[in-house]
Amino acid sequence: MTPPRDSQRSRVYRAETPLGGRRLPELADCADFADDVVGSLWWAARFPNHDLERVPRLRPGNGARQAFYREDTDGPTITLPRRYRTTGVVIHELVHWALGDALDLPNHGRTFTRLLLDATGEFMGPAKRERLAAAYVEHQVHVAPPPRVGPDGGFDYGWDERLRLGRGRPFVVCWGEGRRNSGVLVSRAHRTVTLRDKQAESKIPERVIWRVVPAR
């Protein structure tokens, strides 16, 4: 699946540029910081399948013009040219890794910016988070609402953006105390999600939804 158009990309980069972050001079320093992030309880609660055993391999990026995350044949990698070795850039690329399976969402869309904002607050402090939030407003970067937490304690960061972009697409919607409905998204009017499956319709108030995933 090809991700939707990445319309926020340049605005996200402009918003992040003044944020800075602690310098991590050597690639080993970047790896230690990445391990601290991925090994934290905060990260494990949100991305239990993206753990230290699967953390991306770091590449020096000699000659590369920018930092980037990529899925290589031997596993995920993050390329970090020397000028991009900061805590802010490492977090940015780890967020790409965390959302790497969400191919139905834009690479720098509302889900990405929400997760990056939350991760910045957790690993760089509330002052940096506020600066990033203000920069998002200044550069008109759209940010998803906070993630929903289900009865199982799992976090869903993509629920809002999937509903926003997904009219006509099939979804599984989890809501209430463990209930779930599947079908094609017909409407999101009046904060009510309407799914249609074999001519039957189900209507679910958005306030009780805690997970939205594409139907297989």
Protein backbone atom coordinates (compact mmCIF):
# COMPACT_ATOMS: atom_id res chain seq x y z
CA MET A 1 0.00 0.00 0.00
CA THR A 2 1.29 3.45 -0.92
CA PRO A 3 0.88 6.04 1.88
CA PRO A 4 -1.38 9.04 1.17
CA ARG A 5 0.19 12.27 -0.05
CA ASP A 6 2.63 13.62 2.51
CA SER A 7 1.32 17.19 2.36
CA GLN A 8 2.73 18.35 5.73
CA ARG A 9 6.33 17.26 5.20
CA SER A 10 7.98 20.62 4.54
CA ARG A 11 5.94 22.38 7.24
CA VAL A 12 6.87 19.73 9.81
CA TYR A 13 10.56 20.17 8.99
CA ARG A 14 10.31 23.95 9.29
CA ALA A 15 8.58 23.65 12.64
CA GLU A 16 11.23 21.28 14.01
CA THR A 17 14.31 23.18 12.81
CA PRO A 18 14.49 25.70 15.69
CA LEU A 19 13.80 23.00 18.29
CA GLY A 20 17.36 21.71 18.33
CA GLY A 21 18.20 19.13 20.93
CA ARG A 22 21.21 17.79 22.75
CA ARG A 23 24.14 17.01 20.49
CA LEU A 24 25.11 13.35 20.16
CA PRO A 25 28.58 13.57 18.59
CA GLU A 26 29.20 9.92 17.80
CA LEU A 27 26.96 7.27 16.32
CA ALA A 28 27.44 5.23 19.51
CA ASP A 29 25.95 8.14 21.48
CA CYS A 30 22.92 8.12 19.16
CA ALA A 31 22.55 4.37 19.65
CA ASP A 32 22.67 4.74 23.45
CA PHE A 33 19.98 7.42 23.34
CA ALA A 34 17.81 5.33 20.98
CA ASP A 35 18.11 2.40 23.39
CA ASP A 36 17.09 4.65 26.29
CA VAL A 37 13.96 5.71 24.39
CA VAL A 38 12.95 2.27 23.13
CA GLY A 39 13.80 0.63 26.45
CA SER A 40 11.64 3.02 28.46
CA LEU A 41 8.33 2.08 30.05
CA TRP A 42 6.70 4.96 28.14
CA TRP A 43 7.70 3.48 24.79
CA ALA A 44 6.93 -0.11 25.76
CA ALA A 45 3.38 0.86 26.76
CA ARG A 46 2.73 2.32 23.31
CA PHE A 47 4.79 0.11 21.00
CA PRO A 48 5.40 -3.27 22.63
CA ASN A 49 6.24 -4.82 19.25
CA HIS A 50 8.97 -2.23 18.60
CA ASP A 51 11.38 -3.26 21.33
CA LEU A 52 15.14 -3.31 21.87
CA GLU A 53 15.51 -6.55 19.92
CA ARG A 54 14.16 -4.77 16.84
CA VAL A 55 15.60 -1.28 17.30
CA PRO A 56 16.88 0.10 13.96
CA ARG A 57 20.54 -0.23 13.09
CA LEU A 58 22.22 3.17 12.80
CA ARG A 59 24.20 4.12 9.70
CA PRO A 60 26.70 7.01 9.50
CA GLY A 61 25.27 8.41 6.28
CA ASN A 62 28.55 9.59 4.79
CA GLY A 63 27.54 11.81 1.90
CA ALA A 64 23.82 11.77 2.78
CA ARG A 65 22.08 15.15 2.77
CA GLN A 66 19.61 14.36 5.53
CA ALA A 67 18.70 11.85 8.20
CA PHE A 68 16.13 9.20 7.30
CA TYR A 69 14.51 5.95 8.38
CA ARG A 70 14.37 3.05 5.95
CA GLU A 71 13.41 -0.62 5.85
CA ASP A 72 16.39 -2.47 4.39
CA THR A 73 16.48 -6.13 3.41
CA ASP A 74 18.26 -6.99 6.67
CA GLY A 75 16.01 -4.89 8.89
CA PRO A 76 15.18 -1.26 9.75
CA THR A 77 17.93 1.36 9.63
CA ILE A 78 18.28 5.02 10.56
CA THR A 79 20.83 7.05 8.65
CA LEU A 80 22.36 9.88 10.69
CA PRO A 81 24.89 12.18 8.99
CA ARG A 82 27.03 13.95 11.56
CA ARG A 83 25.17 17.27 11.45
CA TYR A 84 21.87 15.51 12.31
CA ARG A 85 23.08 13.67 15.39
CA THR A 86 20.81 15.23 18.01
CA THR A 87 18.20 13.90 20.40
CA GLY A 88 15.44 15.61 18.40
CA VAL A 89 16.41 13.96 15.12
CA VAL A 90 16.79 10.52 16.72
CA ILE A 91 13.30 10.81 18.22
CA HIS A 92 11.89 11.94 14.85
CA GLU A 93 13.31 8.87 13.10
CA LEU A 94 12.23 6.50 15.87
CA VAL A 95 8.68 7.81 15.47
CA HIS A 96 8.89 6.91 11.77
CA TRP A 97 9.96 3.40 12.81
CA ALA A 98 7.10 3.13 15.32
CA LEU A 99 4.59 4.02 12.58
CA GLY A 100 6.37 2.10 9.84
CA ASP A 101 3.54 -0.45 9.55
CA ALA A 102 0.86 2.24 9.23
CA LEU A 103 1.05 2.42 5.45
CA ASP A 104 -2.42 3.94 5.22
CA LEU A 105 -1.29 7.10 7.02
CA PRO A 106 0.82 10.00 5.65
CA ASN A 107 4.48 9.85 6.66
CA HIS A 108 4.31 13.26 8.36
CA GLY A 109 0.57 13.42 8.95
CA ARG A 110 -1.47 14.20 12.03
CA THR A 111 -0.70 10.88 13.71
CA PHE A 112 3.03 11.39 13.23
CA THR A 113 3.00 14.91 14.66
CA ARG A 114 0.93 13.86 17.68
CA LEU A 115 3.32 11.04 18.51
CA LEU A 116 6.36 13.25 17.95
CA LEU A 117 4.88 15.91 20.23
CA ASP A 118 4.22 13.36 22.98
CA ALA A 119 7.66 11.76 22.61
CA THR A 120 9.35 15.17 22.68
CA GLY A 121 7.67 15.96 25.98
CA GLU A 122 8.66 12.61 27.45
CA PHE A 123 12.31 12.51 26.35
CA MET A 124 13.24 16.16 25.87
CA GLY A 125 11.09 17.83 28.53
CA PRO A 126 7.93 19.95 28.73
CA ALA A 127 9.66 23.16 27.61
CA LYS A 128 10.74 21.57 24.33
CA ARG A 129 7.27 20.15 23.89
CA GLU A 130 5.71 23.58 24.27
CA ARG A 131 8.16 25.07 21.80
CA LEU A 132 7.32 22.38 19.28
CA ALA A 133 3.56 22.84 19.83
CA ALA A 134 3.94 26.59 19.25
CA ALA A 135 5.97 25.97 16.09
CA TYR A 136 3.27 23.63 14.80
CA VAL A 137 0.74 26.43 15.22
CA GLU A 138 3.05 28.96 13.57
CA HIS A 139 3.64 26.75 10.54
CA GLN A 140 0.05 25.49 10.33
CA VAL A 141 0.97 21.88 11.04
CA HIS A 142 -2.05 19.73 11.86
CA VAL A 143 -1.85 17.50 14.94
CA ALA A 144 -4.15 14.60 15.79
CA PRO A 145 -5.97 14.52 19.14
CA PRO A 146 -4.41 12.41 21.90
CA PRO A 147 -4.33 8.64 21.50
CA ARG A 148 -7.18 6.52 22.78
CA VAL A 149 -6.43 3.86 25.38
CA GLY A 150 -8.36 0.61 25.26
CA PRO A 151 -9.45 -1.77 28.03
CA ASP A 152 -6.27 -3.75 27.38
CA GLY A 153 -4.11 -0.68 28.09
CA GLY A 154 -3.01 -0.36 24.46
CA PHE A 155 -2.61 3.05 22.84
CA ASP A 156 -4.06 3.85 19.41
CA TYR A 157 -2.48 6.94 17.88
CA GLY A 158 -4.02 6.54 14.43
CA TRP A 159 -7.73 6.36 15.22
CA ASP A 160 -8.62 9.96 14.30
CA GLU A 161 -6.58 10.23 11.11
CA ARG A 162 -7.87 6.91 9.82
CA LEU A 163 -11.44 8.10 10.28
CA ARG A 164 -10.57 11.47 8.74
CA LEU A 165 -9.04 9.94 5.59
CA GLY A 166 -10.88 6.65 5.40
CA ARG A 167 -14.29 7.27 3.89
CA GLY A 168 -15.08 4.32 1.63
CA ARG A 169 -12.43 2.09 3.20
CA PRO A 170 -13.05 -1.02 5.34
CA PHE A 171 -12.13 -0.79 9.03
CA VAL A 172 -12.41 -2.69 12.26
CA VAL A 173 -13.58 -0.32 15.01
CA CYS A 174 -13.12 -1.33 18.66
CA TRP A 175 -15.26 0.49 21.19
CA GLY A 176 -16.88 0.34 24.60
CA GLU A 177 -15.93 -2.55 26.83
CA GLY A 178 -14.37 -4.78 24.21
CA ARG A 179 -16.97 -4.47 21.46
CA ARG A 180 -15.99 -4.34 17.78
CA ASN A 181 -17.67 -3.72 14.45
CA SER A 182 -16.31 -4.00 10.95
CA GLY A 183 -17.41 -2.52 7.65
CA VAL A 184 -16.82 0.26 5.16
CA LEU A 185 -16.69 3.75 6.64
CA VAL A 186 -19.71 5.60 5.28
CA SER A 187 -19.87 8.68 7.45
CA ARG A 188 -18.36 10.49 10.41
CA ALA A 189 -21.12 13.08 10.70
CA HIS A 190 -22.16 14.42 14.10
CA ARG A 191 -19.20 12.66 15.75
CA THR A 192 -20.77 9.31 14.98
CA VAL A 193 -18.97 6.67 12.91
CA THR A 194 -21.22 4.82 10.49
CA LEU A 195 -19.98 1.49 9.09
CA ARG A 196 -21.77 -0.51 6.41
CA ASP A 197 -21.30 -4.24 6.10
CA LYS A 198 -23.46 -6.27 3.66
CA GLN A 199 -26.13 -3.58 3.64
CA ALA A 200 -26.38 -3.46 7.43
CA GLU A 201 -25.21 -0.30 9.17
CA SER A 202 -23.75 0.22 12.61
CA LYS A 203 -23.44 3.63 14.25
CA ILE A 204 -20.81 4.18 16.93
CA PRO A 205 -20.33 7.41 18.92
CA GLU A 206 -16.74 8.59 18.51
CA ARG A 207 -16.34 9.21 22.23
CA VAL A 208 -16.42 5.45 22.97
CA ILE A 209 -14.02 4.37 20.19
CA TRP A 210 -10.56 3.28 21.34
CA ARG A 211 -9.06 1.60 18.27
CA VAL A 212 -9.46 1.86 14.50
CA VAL A 213 -7.50 -0.47 12.21
CA PRO A 214 -7.77 -1.25 8.50
CA ALA A 215 -9.72 -4.43 7.81
CA ARG A 216 -7.63 -7.22 6.34
